[in-house]
Amino acid sequence: MKLIRIMQNIFSFEEIPYENLMDGTFNKSLKPYIEIVDVNVINSENVINPEDEQNNIMKKIMDILNHSIGNTNCHVHKCYENFESCVYIFYIPSETTIVGHENNIGTFLSEKHEPVIGDCVILNTESKLVDEKFVSKNIDMTLTYLFEIIRSRFIHKAIIITPENEIKEHIFIDNPITNTFLLEKSSRCYHVNFMHKVFCVFMAYEPEDNKFNKFATIFCKRLKVHGGVIISMLSQLPFIEVNDLTETTFKKILCIRSNMSDTDINTKIDDAVKNNFYNLLDNAIIKFDNRIVETIPDDVLHGVTMNSTLDAH
């Protein structure tokens, strides 16, 4: 079983060129502060006992934290999740930076970016729904995966929905609509809350291609949408971070939003915070055979457009 130890460091995340993020230079600059740690999870009888495994992993984590700073006040934060796993960071927080014990990489991944002192540890897990309960299992963490997680905080994916119901992925760094068909001065952003995520739906007040956008309307629910839109995804709790929104993820969310009421969806918020958001999506769409309901209510279809309705919250 493999963990990752991030050693004390004063690494700077300021002004990293886009090219360095993509060509491997960024990974090389991080590597001196990161090492793989092996944990023996097999007992004397050559068997993996889940309870012994968890105890061995936690002992190794605490040994690493205590060795570097001598403090047992450990925090745990889910710093990343996707369809395959949830990744957690174990660290010792500090209200102020302690010179000589800074861990800037750990701070970059910690909850609310609170200062981290001493070494920190990254644990990778996968969870599956078994008998209507989520069961977690520890899995190996790799350097490549950690580099991907850190890079994802700089380079993001949004989706574009055309009026022809075509869904395309769009790469951005700061603003989802930069260098797109939308202009900041002539566009608006409408927020959609879904589980513990916030979706930013960008649209033009007066779209050049003013056709009805069926998928965007189904997603927003309240009013009809015209023209192309760009949608990005943020984590809402406990701290706002930009998350990648892919075509696959969006179609699953569209399936759920078109089949479930907002009231029913809101009952899943706590589960989404505690467990893997993407596993919840997979579990939900099974009930609907992955089918998107494309029927638009008459009051929405014949009502005003969201594009020009400034008070549509």
C-alpha atoms as a PDB file:
ATOM      1  CA  MET A   1       0.000   0.000   0.000  1.00  0.00           C
ATOM      2  CA  LYS A   2       1.517   3.330  -1.088  1.00  0.00           C
ATOM      3  CA  LEU A   3       1.054   6.760   0.484  1.00  0.00           C
ATOM      4  CA  ILE A   4       2.713  10.021  -0.505  1.00  0.00           C
ATOM      5  CA  ARG A   5       4.709  12.120   1.915  1.00  0.00           C
ATOM      6  CA  ILE A   6       5.070  15.818   1.090  1.00  0.00           C
ATOM      7  CA  MET A   7       8.084  17.167   2.946  1.00  0.00           C
ATOM      8  CA  GLN A   8       8.463  20.663   4.380  1.00  0.00           C
ATOM      9  CA  ASN A   9       9.007  23.141   1.564  1.00  0.00           C
ATOM     10  CA  ILE A  10       8.801  26.787   0.555  1.00  0.00           C
ATOM     11  CA  PHE A  11       7.698  26.019  -3.008  1.00  0.00           C
ATOM     12  CA  SER A  12       6.158  29.041  -4.771  1.00  0.00           C
ATOM     13  CA  PHE A  13       2.982  28.712  -6.831  1.00  0.00           C
ATOM     14  CA  GLU A  14       3.146  32.299  -8.074  1.00  0.00           C
ATOM     15  CA  GLU A  15       3.251  33.049 -11.807  1.00  0.00           C
ATOM     16  CA  ILE A  16       3.739  29.522 -13.134  1.00  0.00           C
ATOM     17  CA  PRO A  17       3.784  29.673 -16.963  1.00  0.00           C
ATOM     18  CA  TYR A  18       1.110  27.608 -18.718  1.00  0.00           C
ATOM     19  CA  GLU A  19       3.808  25.868 -20.770  1.00  0.00           C
ATOM     20  CA  ASN A  20       5.514  24.616 -17.595  1.00  0.00           C
ATOM     21  CA  LEU A  21       2.255  23.067 -16.408  1.00  0.00           C
ATOM     22  CA  MET A  22       1.909  21.127 -19.640  1.00  0.00           C
ATOM     23  CA  ASP A  23       5.462  20.095 -20.585  1.00  0.00           C
ATOM     24  CA  GLY A  24       6.500  18.339 -17.345  1.00  0.00           C
ATOM     25  CA  THR A  25       8.706  21.171 -16.025  1.00  0.00           C
ATOM     26  CA  PHE A  26       6.240  21.847 -13.209  1.00  0.00           C
ATOM     27  CA  ASN A  27       6.257  18.181 -12.154  1.00  0.00           C
ATOM     28  CA  LYS A  28      10.058  18.128 -12.016  1.00  0.00           C
ATOM     29  CA  SER A  29      10.109  21.215  -9.782  1.00  0.00           C
ATOM     30  CA  LEU A  30       7.692  19.549  -7.313  1.00  0.00           C
ATOM     31  CA  LYS A  31       9.409  16.155  -7.249  1.00  0.00           C
ATOM     32  CA  PRO A  32      12.247  16.941  -4.757  1.00  0.00           C
ATOM     33  CA  TYR A  33       9.670  17.534  -2.011  1.00  0.00           C
ATOM     34  CA  ILE A  34       7.607  14.385  -2.593  1.00  0.00           C
ATOM     35  CA  GLU A  35       8.268  10.725  -1.905  1.00  0.00           C
ATOM     36  CA  ILE A  36       6.364   7.439  -2.018  1.00  0.00           C
ATOM     37  CA  VAL A  37       5.936   5.691   1.348  1.00  0.00           C
ATOM     38  CA  ASP A  38       5.201   1.955   1.490  1.00  0.00           C
ATOM     39  CA  VAL A  39       2.942   0.624   4.241  1.00  0.00           C
ATOM     40  CA  ASN A  40       2.861  -3.089   5.050  1.00  0.00           C
ATOM     41  CA  VAL A  41      -0.809  -4.115   5.137  1.00  0.00           C
ATOM     42  CA  ILE A  42      -0.289  -7.895   5.111  1.00  0.00           C
ATOM     43  CA  ASN A  43      -0.316  -9.652   8.480  1.00  0.00           C
ATOM     44  CA  SER A  44       1.852 -12.563   9.619  1.00  0.00           C
ATOM     45  CA  GLU A  45      -0.564 -15.013   7.973  1.00  0.00           C
ATOM     46  CA  ASN A  46      -0.143 -13.292   4.580  1.00  0.00           C
ATOM     47  CA  VAL A  47      -3.688 -11.967   4.735  1.00  0.00           C
ATOM     48  CA  ILE A  48      -4.940  -8.392   4.410  1.00  0.00           C
ATOM     49  CA  ASN A  49      -7.182  -7.708   7.388  1.00  0.00           C
ATOM     50  CA  PRO A  50      -9.133  -4.433   6.808  1.00  0.00           C
ATOM     51  CA  GLU A  51      -8.919  -3.391  10.440  1.00  0.00           C
ATOM     52  CA  ASP A  52      -5.185  -4.123  10.693  1.00  0.00           C
ATOM     53  CA  GLU A  53      -4.618  -2.389   7.377  1.00  0.00           C
ATOM     54  CA  GLN A  54      -6.327   0.813   8.539  1.00  0.00           C
ATOM     55  CA  ASN A  55      -4.428   0.744  11.842  1.00  0.00           C
ATOM     56  CA  ASN A  56      -1.090   0.309  10.063  1.00  0.00           C
ATOM     57  CA  ILE A  57      -1.850   3.138   7.647  1.00  0.00           C
ATOM     58  CA  MET A  58      -2.917   5.531  10.404  1.00  0.00           C
ATOM     59  CA  LYS A  59       0.158   4.634  12.487  1.00  0.00           C
ATOM     60  CA  LYS A  60       2.420   5.367   9.526  1.00  0.00           C
ATOM     61  CA  ILE A  61       0.659   8.683   8.860  1.00  0.00           C
ATOM     62  CA  MET A  62       0.950   9.795  12.487  1.00  0.00           C
ATOM     63  CA  ASP A  63       4.599   8.691  12.621  1.00  0.00           C
ATOM     64  CA  ILE A  64       5.366  10.910   9.614  1.00  0.00           C
ATOM     65  CA  LEU A  65       3.508  13.911  11.039  1.00  0.00           C
ATOM     66  CA  ASN A  66       4.943  13.575  14.541  1.00  0.00           C
ATOM     67  CA  HIS A  67       8.489  12.985  13.315  1.00  0.00           C
ATOM     68  CA  SER A  68       8.532  16.251  11.401  1.00  0.00           C
ATOM     69  CA  ILE A  69       6.856  18.563  13.922  1.00  0.00           C
ATOM     70  CA  GLY A  70       6.017  16.611  17.113  1.00  0.00           C
ATOM     71  CA  ASN A  71       2.337  17.523  17.185  1.00  0.00           C
ATOM     72  CA  THR A  72      -0.672  15.196  17.087  1.00  0.00           C
ATOM     73  CA  ASN A  73      -3.267  17.849  16.137  1.00  0.00           C
ATOM     74  CA  CYS A  74      -3.951  16.272  12.740  1.00  0.00           C
ATOM     75  CA  HIS A  75      -6.542  17.527  10.258  1.00  0.00           C
ATOM     76  CA  VAL A  76      -7.991  15.481   7.378  1.00  0.00           C
ATOM     77  CA  HIS A  77      -9.406  17.071   4.232  1.00  0.00           C
ATOM     78  CA  LYS A  78     -10.834  15.603   1.026  1.00  0.00           C
ATOM     79  CA  CYS A  79      -8.712  17.558  -1.445  1.00  0.00           C
ATOM     80  CA  TYR A  80      -9.794  15.854  -4.681  1.00  0.00           C
ATOM     81  CA  GLU A  81     -12.364  13.466  -6.084  1.00  0.00           C
ATOM     82  CA  ASN A  82     -13.258  11.979  -9.449  1.00  0.00           C
ATOM     83  CA  PHE A  83     -15.098   8.924 -10.772  1.00  0.00           C
ATOM     84  CA  GLU A  84     -12.290   6.641  -9.620  1.00  0.00           C
ATOM     85  CA  SER A  85     -11.307   7.836  -6.154  1.00  0.00           C
ATOM     86  CA  CYS A  86     -11.315  10.319  -3.268  1.00  0.00           C
ATOM     87  CA  VAL A  87      -7.963  11.727  -2.184  1.00  0.00           C
ATOM     88  CA  TYR A  88      -7.325  12.939   1.373  1.00  0.00           C
ATOM     89  CA  ILE A  89      -4.573  15.076   2.863  1.00  0.00           C
ATOM     90  CA  PHE A  90      -3.489  14.545   6.488  1.00  0.00           C
ATOM     91  CA  TYR A  91      -1.663  17.538   7.929  1.00  0.00           C
ATOM     92  CA  ILE A  92      -0.858  19.633  10.991  1.00  0.00           C
ATOM     93  CA  PRO A  93      -2.439  23.089  10.707  1.00  0.00           C
ATOM     94  CA  SER A  94      -1.064  26.290  12.151  1.00  0.00           C
ATOM     95  CA  GLU A  95      -2.705  29.678  12.597  1.00  0.00           C
ATOM     96  CA  THR A  96       0.555  31.277  11.545  1.00  0.00           C
ATOM     97  CA  THR A  97       3.474  30.172   9.403  1.00  0.00           C
ATOM     98  CA  ILE A  98       6.407  28.816  11.426  1.00  0.00           C
ATOM     99  CA  VAL A  99       9.677  29.699   9.700  1.00  0.00           C
ATOM    100  CA  GLY A 100      11.640  26.571   8.870  1.00  0.00           C
ATOM    101  CA  HIS A 101       8.592  24.308   9.043  1.00  0.00           C
ATOM    102  CA  GLU A 102       6.529  25.680   6.126  1.00  0.00           C
ATOM    103  CA  ASN A 103       4.800  23.278   3.771  1.00  0.00           C
ATOM    104  CA  ASN A 104       3.561  25.386   0.871  1.00  0.00           C
ATOM    105  CA  ILE A 105       2.487  22.396  -1.242  1.00  0.00           C
ATOM    106  CA  GLY A 106       0.476  21.059   1.693  1.00  0.00           C
ATOM    107  CA  THR A 107      -1.065  24.516   2.244  1.00  0.00           C
ATOM    108  CA  PHE A 108      -2.050  24.598  -1.432  1.00  0.00           C
ATOM    109  CA  LEU A 109      -4.039  21.361  -0.927  1.00  0.00           C
ATOM    110  CA  SER A 110      -5.348  21.937   2.630  1.00  0.00           C
ATOM    111  CA  GLU A 111      -8.862  22.954   3.637  1.00  0.00           C
ATOM    112  CA  LYS A 112      -9.356  26.676   2.950  1.00  0.00           C
ATOM    113  CA  HIS A 113      -5.607  26.779   2.198  1.00  0.00           C
ATOM    114  CA  GLU A 114      -4.860  27.031   5.914  1.00  0.00           C
ATOM    115  CA  PRO A 115      -1.123  27.068   6.711  1.00  0.00           C
ATOM    116  CA  VAL A 116       0.416  23.604   7.001  1.00  0.00           C
ATOM    117  CA  ILE A 117       3.553  22.970   9.047  1.00  0.00           C
ATOM    118  CA  GLY A 118       5.849  19.976   8.882  1.00  0.00           C
ATOM    119  CA  ASP A 119       5.393  17.030   6.542  1.00  0.00           C
ATOM    120  CA  CYS A 120       1.937  16.002   5.328  1.00  0.00           C
ATOM    121  CA  VAL A 121       0.547  12.776   3.864  1.00  0.00           C
ATOM    122  CA  ILE A 122      -1.695  11.995   0.877  1.00  0.00           C
ATOM    123  CA  LEU A 123      -3.992   8.947   1.007  1.00  0.00           C
ATOM    124  CA  ASN A 124      -5.943   7.614  -1.961  1.00  0.00           C
ATOM    125  CA  THR A 125      -9.239   5.726  -1.549  1.00  0.00           C
ATOM    126  CA  GLU A 126     -11.973   4.319  -3.735  1.00  0.00           C
ATOM    127  CA  SER A 127     -15.562   3.912  -2.631  1.00  0.00           C
ATOM    128  CA  LYS A 128     -18.352   1.721  -3.911  1.00  0.00           C
ATOM    129  CA  LEU A 129     -22.022   1.454  -3.070  1.00  0.00           C
ATOM    130  CA  VAL A 130     -22.683  -1.927  -1.433  1.00  0.00           C
ATOM    131  CA  ASP A 131     -26.177  -2.697  -0.104  1.00  0.00           C
ATOM    132  CA  GLU A 132     -27.030   1.033  -0.285  1.00  0.00           C
ATOM    133  CA  LYS A 133     -23.983   1.964   1.819  1.00  0.00           C
ATOM    134  CA  PHE A 134     -20.689   3.437   0.673  1.00  0.00           C
ATOM    135  CA  VAL A 135     -17.726   1.180   1.401  1.00  0.00           C
ATOM    136  CA  SER A 136     -14.242   2.714   1.152  1.00  0.00           C
ATOM    137  CA  LYS A 137     -11.052   0.923   0.284  1.00  0.00           C
ATOM    138  CA  ASN A 138      -7.498   2.317   0.418  1.00  0.00           C
ATOM    139  CA  ILE A 139      -5.597   2.155  -2.863  1.00  0.00           C
ATOM    140  CA  ASP A 140      -2.097   3.120  -4.006  1.00  0.00           C
ATOM    141  CA  MET A 141      -1.294   6.790  -4.485  1.00  0.00           C
ATOM    142  CA  THR A 142       1.108   7.700  -7.303  1.00  0.00           C
ATOM    143  CA  LEU A 143       3.287  10.704  -8.087  1.00  0.00           C
ATOM    144  CA  THR A 144       1.611  11.078 -11.476  1.00  0.00           C
ATOM    145  CA  TYR A 145      -1.819  11.285  -9.871  1.00  0.00           C
ATOM    146  CA  LEU A 146      -0.659  13.904  -7.354  1.00  0.00           C
ATOM    147  CA  PHE A 147       0.826  16.016 -10.146  1.00  0.00           C
ATOM    148  CA  GLU A 148      -2.504  15.791 -12.002  1.00  0.00           C
ATOM    149  CA  ILE A 149      -4.401  16.911  -8.896  1.00  0.00           C
ATOM    150  CA  ILE A 150      -2.161  19.933  -8.329  1.00  0.00           C
ATOM    151  CA  ARG A 151      -2.208  20.871 -12.020  1.00  0.00           C
ATOM    152  CA  SER A 152      -6.025  20.685 -12.026  1.00  0.00           C
ATOM    153  CA  ARG A 153      -6.046  23.669  -9.638  1.00  0.00           C
ATOM    154  CA  PHE A 154      -4.594  25.791 -12.466  1.00  0.00           C
ATOM    155  CA  ILE A 155      -6.057  24.351 -15.676  1.00  0.00           C
ATOM    156  CA  HIS A 156      -9.790  23.649 -15.710  1.00  0.00           C
ATOM    157  CA  LYS A 157     -12.465  22.186 -17.944  1.00  0.00           C
ATOM    158  CA  ALA A 158     -15.857  23.730 -18.636  1.00  0.00           C
ATOM    159  CA  ILE A 159     -18.445  22.713 -21.199  1.00  0.00           C
ATOM    160  CA  ILE A 160     -20.030  24.585 -24.079  1.00  0.00           C
ATOM    161  CA  ILE A 161     -23.628  23.783 -25.071  1.00  0.00           C
ATOM    162  CA  THR A 162     -24.667  24.928 -28.540  1.00  0.00           C
ATOM    163  CA  PRO A 163     -28.313  25.535 -29.531  1.00  0.00           C
ATOM    164  CA  GLU A 164     -27.979  22.337 -31.601  1.00  0.00           C
ATOM    165  CA  ASN A 165     -27.552  20.398 -28.301  1.00  0.00           C
ATOM    166  CA  GLU A 166     -23.889  19.711 -28.980  1.00  0.00           C
ATOM    167  CA  ILE A 167     -21.815  19.480 -25.784  1.00  0.00           C
ATOM    168  CA  LYS A 168     -18.097  20.260 -26.074  1.00  0.00           C
ATOM    169  CA  GLU A 169     -15.343  20.508 -23.473  1.00  0.00           C
ATOM    170  CA  HIS A 170     -13.494  23.802 -23.107  1.00  0.00           C
ATOM    171  CA  ILE A 171     -10.137  24.412 -21.364  1.00  0.00           C
ATOM    172  CA  PHE A 172      -9.662  27.600 -19.328  1.00  0.00           C
ATOM    173  CA  ILE A 173      -7.345  29.011 -16.651  1.00  0.00           C
ATOM    174  CA  ASP A 174      -8.986  32.005 -14.936  1.00  0.00           C
ATOM    175  CA  ASN A 175     -12.239  32.993 -16.611  1.00  0.00           C
ATOM    176  CA  PRO A 176     -14.354  30.356 -18.444  1.00  0.00           C
ATOM    177  CA  ILE A 177     -15.488  32.798 -21.138  1.00  0.00           C
ATOM    178  CA  THR A 178     -12.072  34.262 -22.036  1.00  0.00           C
ATOM    179  CA  ASN A 179     -11.321  33.815 -25.762  1.00  0.00           C
ATOM    180  CA  THR A 180     -14.789  32.371 -26.481  1.00  0.00           C
ATOM    181  CA  PHE A 181     -17.905  33.524 -28.334  1.00  0.00           C
ATOM    182  CA  LEU A 182     -19.108  35.262 -25.135  1.00  0.00           C
ATOM    183  CA  LEU A 183     -17.981  38.756 -24.153  1.00  0.00           C
ATOM    184  CA  GLU A 184     -17.857  39.791 -20.495  1.00  0.00           C
ATOM    185  CA  LYS A 185     -19.681  43.113 -20.997  1.00  0.00           C
ATOM    186  CA  SER A 186     -22.570  41.546 -22.882  1.00  0.00           C
ATOM    187  CA  SER A 187     -22.975  38.317 -20.891  1.00  0.00           C
ATOM    188  CA  ARG A 188     -24.494  37.259 -17.599  1.00  0.00           C
ATOM    189  CA  CYS A 189     -23.817  34.412 -15.177  1.00  0.00           C
ATOM    190  CA  TYR A 190     -26.620  32.384 -13.596  1.00  0.00           C
ATOM    191  CA  HIS A 191     -25.828  30.092 -10.641  1.00  0.00           C
ATOM    192  CA  VAL A 192     -27.338  26.613 -10.320  1.00  0.00           C
ATOM    193  CA  ASN A 193     -26.879  24.726  -7.024  1.00  0.00           C
ATOM    194  CA  PHE A 194     -26.678  20.953  -7.338  1.00  0.00           C
ATOM    195  CA  MET A 195     -25.776  18.803  -4.332  1.00  0.00           C
ATOM    196  CA  HIS A 196     -22.671  20.539  -2.926  1.00  0.00           C
ATOM    197  CA  LYS A 197     -21.611  21.991  -6.277  1.00  0.00           C
ATOM    198  CA  VAL A 198     -22.314  25.386  -7.827  1.00  0.00           C
ATOM    199  CA  PHE A 199     -22.599  25.655 -11.599  1.00  0.00           C
ATOM    200  CA  CYS A 200     -21.902  28.969 -13.316  1.00  0.00           C
ATOM    201  CA  VAL A 201     -23.987  29.236 -16.490  1.00  0.00           C
ATOM    202  CA  PHE A 202     -22.665  31.984 -18.766  1.00  0.00           C
ATOM    203  CA  MET A 203     -24.909  33.311 -21.555  1.00  0.00           C
ATOM    204  CA  ALA A 204     -25.214  36.418 -23.745  1.00  0.00           C
ATOM    205  CA  TYR A 205     -27.952  38.964 -23.055  1.00  0.00           C
ATOM    206  CA  GLU A 206     -28.646  39.100 -26.788  1.00  0.00           C
ATOM    207  CA  PRO A 207     -27.131  35.986 -28.413  1.00  0.00           C
ATOM    208  CA  GLU A 208     -25.900  36.332 -31.955  1.00  0.00           C
ATOM    209  CA  ASP A 209     -27.288  32.853 -32.627  1.00  0.00           C
ATOM    210  CA  ASN A 210     -30.638  33.346 -30.892  1.00  0.00           C
ATOM    211  CA  LYS A 211     -31.943  29.789 -31.222  1.00  0.00           C
ATOM    212  CA  PHE A 212     -33.602  27.981 -28.308  1.00  0.00           C
ATOM    213  CA  ASN A 213     -31.077  25.965 -26.256  1.00  0.00           C
ATOM    214  CA  LYS A 214     -32.907  22.850 -25.045  1.00  0.00           C
ATOM    215  CA  PHE A 215     -30.164  21.283 -22.886  1.00  0.00           C
ATOM    216  CA  ALA A 216     -29.298  24.581 -21.167  1.00  0.00           C
ATOM    217  CA  THR A 217     -33.002  25.140 -20.445  1.00  0.00           C
ATOM    218  CA  ILE A 218     -33.411  21.642 -18.971  1.00  0.00           C
ATOM    219  CA  PHE A 219     -30.361  22.220 -16.796  1.00  0.00           C
ATOM    220  CA  CYS A 220     -31.453  25.649 -15.499  1.00  0.00           C
ATOM    221  CA  LYS A 221     -35.134  24.572 -15.158  1.00  0.00           C
ATOM    222  CA  ARG A 222     -36.682  27.963 -14.306  1.00  0.00           C
ATOM    223  CA  LEU A 223     -36.603  29.888 -17.591  1.00  0.00           C
ATOM    224  CA  LYS A 224     -35.750  29.124 -21.202  1.00  0.00           C
ATOM    225  CA  VAL A 225     -32.278  29.838 -22.532  1.00  0.00           C
ATOM    226  CA  HIS A 226     -31.323  31.011 -26.019  1.00  0.00           C
ATOM    227  CA  GLY A 227     -27.958  30.875 -27.748  1.00  0.00           C
ATOM    228  CA  GLY A 228     -24.790  29.041 -26.784  1.00  0.00           C
ATOM    229  CA  VAL A 229     -23.802  28.777 -23.123  1.00  0.00           C
ATOM    230  CA  ILE A 230     -20.647  27.950 -21.179  1.00  0.00           C
ATOM    231  CA  ILE A 231     -20.945  26.107 -17.851  1.00  0.00           C
ATOM    232  CA  SER A 232     -18.230  25.711 -15.205  1.00  0.00           C
ATOM    233  CA  MET A 233     -18.415  23.826 -11.885  1.00  0.00           C
ATOM    234  CA  LEU A 234     -17.297  24.874  -8.393  1.00  0.00           C
ATOM    235  CA  SER A 235     -17.196  22.948  -5.134  1.00  0.00           C
ATOM    236  CA  GLN A 236     -19.374  24.757  -2.599  1.00  0.00           C
ATOM    237  CA  LEU A 237     -18.372  23.172   0.713  1.00  0.00           C
ATOM    238  CA  PRO A 238     -16.253  23.598   2.741  1.00  0.00           C
ATOM    239  CA  PHE A 239     -14.316  25.955   0.454  1.00  0.00           C
ATOM    240  CA  ILE A 240     -14.865  27.112  -3.092  1.00  0.00           C
ATOM    241  CA  GLU A 241     -12.568  25.472  -5.654  1.00  0.00           C
ATOM    242  CA  VAL A 242     -12.921  25.200  -9.417  1.00  0.00           C
ATOM    243  CA  ASN A 243     -13.672  21.598 -10.460  1.00  0.00           C
ATOM    244  CA  ASP A 244     -13.364  20.099 -13.921  1.00  0.00           C
ATOM    245  CA  LEU A 245     -16.690  19.711 -15.701  1.00  0.00           C
ATOM    246  CA  THR A 246     -16.505  17.144 -18.482  1.00  0.00           C
ATOM    247  CA  GLU A 247     -19.050  16.157 -21.102  1.00  0.00           C
ATOM    248  CA  THR A 248     -19.570  12.785 -19.371  1.00  0.00           C
ATOM    249  CA  THR A 249     -20.178  14.370 -15.958  1.00  0.00           C
ATOM    250  CA  PHE A 250     -22.543  16.977 -17.359  1.00  0.00           C
ATOM    251  CA  LYS A 251     -24.700  14.411 -19.162  1.00  0.00           C
ATOM    252  CA  LYS A 252     -25.107  12.468 -15.919  1.00  0.00           C
ATOM    253  CA  ILE A 253     -26.094  15.640 -14.056  1.00  0.00           C
ATOM    254  CA  LEU A 254     -28.525  16.563 -16.843  1.00  0.00           C
ATOM    255  CA  CYS A 255     -30.090  13.107 -16.551  1.00  0.00           C
ATOM    256  CA  ILE A 256     -30.616  13.567 -12.808  1.00  0.00           C
ATOM    257  CA  ARG A 257     -31.880  17.166 -13.013  1.00  0.00           C
ATOM    258  CA  SER A 258     -34.370  16.233 -15.737  1.00  0.00           C
ATOM    259  CA  ASN A 259     -35.749  13.275 -13.747  1.00  0.00           C
ATOM    260  CA  MET A 260     -35.664  14.472 -10.113  1.00  0.00           C
ATOM    261  CA  SER A 261     -37.233  17.425  -8.326  1.00  0.00           C
ATOM    262  CA  ASP A 262     -34.998  19.991  -6.626  1.00  0.00           C
ATOM    263  CA  THR A 263     -36.391  18.856  -3.266  1.00  0.00           C
ATOM    264  CA  ASP A 264     -35.312  15.253  -3.872  1.00  0.00           C
ATOM    265  CA  ILE A 265     -31.901  16.362  -5.141  1.00  0.00           C
ATOM    266  CA  ASN A 266     -31.332  18.505  -2.040  1.00  0.00           C
ATOM    267  CA  THR A 267     -31.710  15.443   0.197  1.00  0.00           C
ATOM    268  CA  LYS A 268     -28.453  14.144  -1.349  1.00  0.00           C
ATOM    269  CA  ILE A 269     -26.293  17.142  -0.337  1.00  0.00           C
ATOM    270  CA  ASP A 270     -24.945  15.596   2.877  1.00  0.00           C
ATOM    271  CA  ASP A 271     -24.091  12.359   1.064  1.00  0.00           C
ATOM    272  CA  ALA A 272     -22.221  14.298  -1.616  1.00  0.00           C
ATOM    273  CA  VAL A 273     -20.113  16.106   0.993  1.00  0.00           C
ATOM    274  CA  LYS A 274     -19.225  12.946   2.941  1.00  0.00           C
ATOM    275  CA  ASN A 275     -18.839  10.537   0.037  1.00  0.00           C
ATOM    276  CA  ASN A 276     -17.744  10.637  -3.584  1.00  0.00           C
ATOM    277  CA  PHE A 277     -19.913  13.043  -5.584  1.00  0.00           C
ATOM    278  CA  TYR A 278     -19.245  11.125  -8.788  1.00  0.00           C
ATOM    279  CA  ASN A 279     -20.232   7.779  -7.272  1.00  0.00           C
ATOM    280  CA  LEU A 280     -23.554   9.355  -6.277  1.00  0.00           C
ATOM    281  CA  LEU A 281     -24.103  10.418  -9.878  1.00  0.00           C
ATOM    282  CA  ASP A 282     -23.442   6.889 -11.131  1.00  0.00           C
ATOM    283  CA  ASN A 283     -25.801   5.422  -8.557  1.00  0.00           C
ATOM    284  CA  ALA A 284     -28.578   7.890  -9.399  1.00  0.00           C
ATOM    285  CA  ILE A 285     -28.545   7.546 -13.188  1.00  0.00           C
ATOM    286  CA  ILE A 286     -29.026   3.770 -12.961  1.00  0.00           C
ATOM    287  CA  LYS A 287     -32.597   4.421 -11.794  1.00  0.00           C
ATOM    288  CA  PHE A 288     -33.272   6.466 -14.930  1.00  0.00           C
ATOM    289  CA  ASP A 289     -31.428   4.253 -17.445  1.00  0.00           C
ATOM    290  CA  ASN A 290     -29.130   7.210 -18.161  1.00  0.00           C
ATOM    291  CA  ARG A 291     -32.062   8.878 -19.965  1.00  0.00           C
ATOM    292  CA  ILE A 292     -32.447  12.651 -20.242  1.00  0.00           C
ATOM    293  CA  VAL A 293     -36.083  13.820 -20.144  1.00  0.00           C
ATOM    294  CA  GLU A 294     -36.298  16.424 -22.906  1.00  0.00           C
ATOM    295  CA  THR A 295     -39.869  17.602 -22.275  1.00  0.00           C
ATOM    296  CA  ILE A 296     -40.003  21.338 -21.481  1.00  0.00           C
ATOM    297  CA  PRO A 297     -42.961  22.642 -19.381  1.00  0.00           C
ATOM    298  CA  ASP A 298     -45.239  24.972 -21.368  1.00  0.00           C
ATOM    299  CA  ASP A 299     -44.845  27.858 -18.906  1.00  0.00           C
ATOM    300  CA  VAL A 300     -41.072  27.725 -19.419  1.00  0.00           C
ATOM    301  CA  LEU A 301     -41.227  27.167 -23.165  1.00  0.00           C
ATOM    302  CA  HIS A 302     -43.580  30.118 -23.744  1.00  0.00           C
ATOM    303  CA  GLY A 303     -42.176  32.391 -21.028  1.00  0.00           C
ATOM    304  CA  VAL A 304     -39.421  34.988 -21.028  1.00  0.00           C
ATOM    305  CA  THR A 305     -35.805  34.085 -21.657  1.00  0.00           C
ATOM    306  CA  MET A 306     -33.237  33.850 -18.889  1.00  0.00           C
ATOM    307  CA  ASN A 307     -30.745  35.708 -21.084  1.00  0.00           C
ATOM    308  CA  SER A 308     -32.391  39.078 -20.518  1.00  0.00           C
ATOM    309  CA  THR A 309     -34.107  38.487 -17.142  1.00  0.00           C
ATOM    310  CA  LEU A 310     -31.722  40.064 -14.664  1.00  0.00           C
ATOM    311  CA  ASP A 311     -33.649  38.989 -11.559  1.00  0.00           C
ATOM    312  CA  ALA A 312     -33.657  35.249 -12.418  1.00  0.00           C
ATOM    313  CA  HIS A 313     -32.001  33.759  -9.329  1.00  0.00           C
END
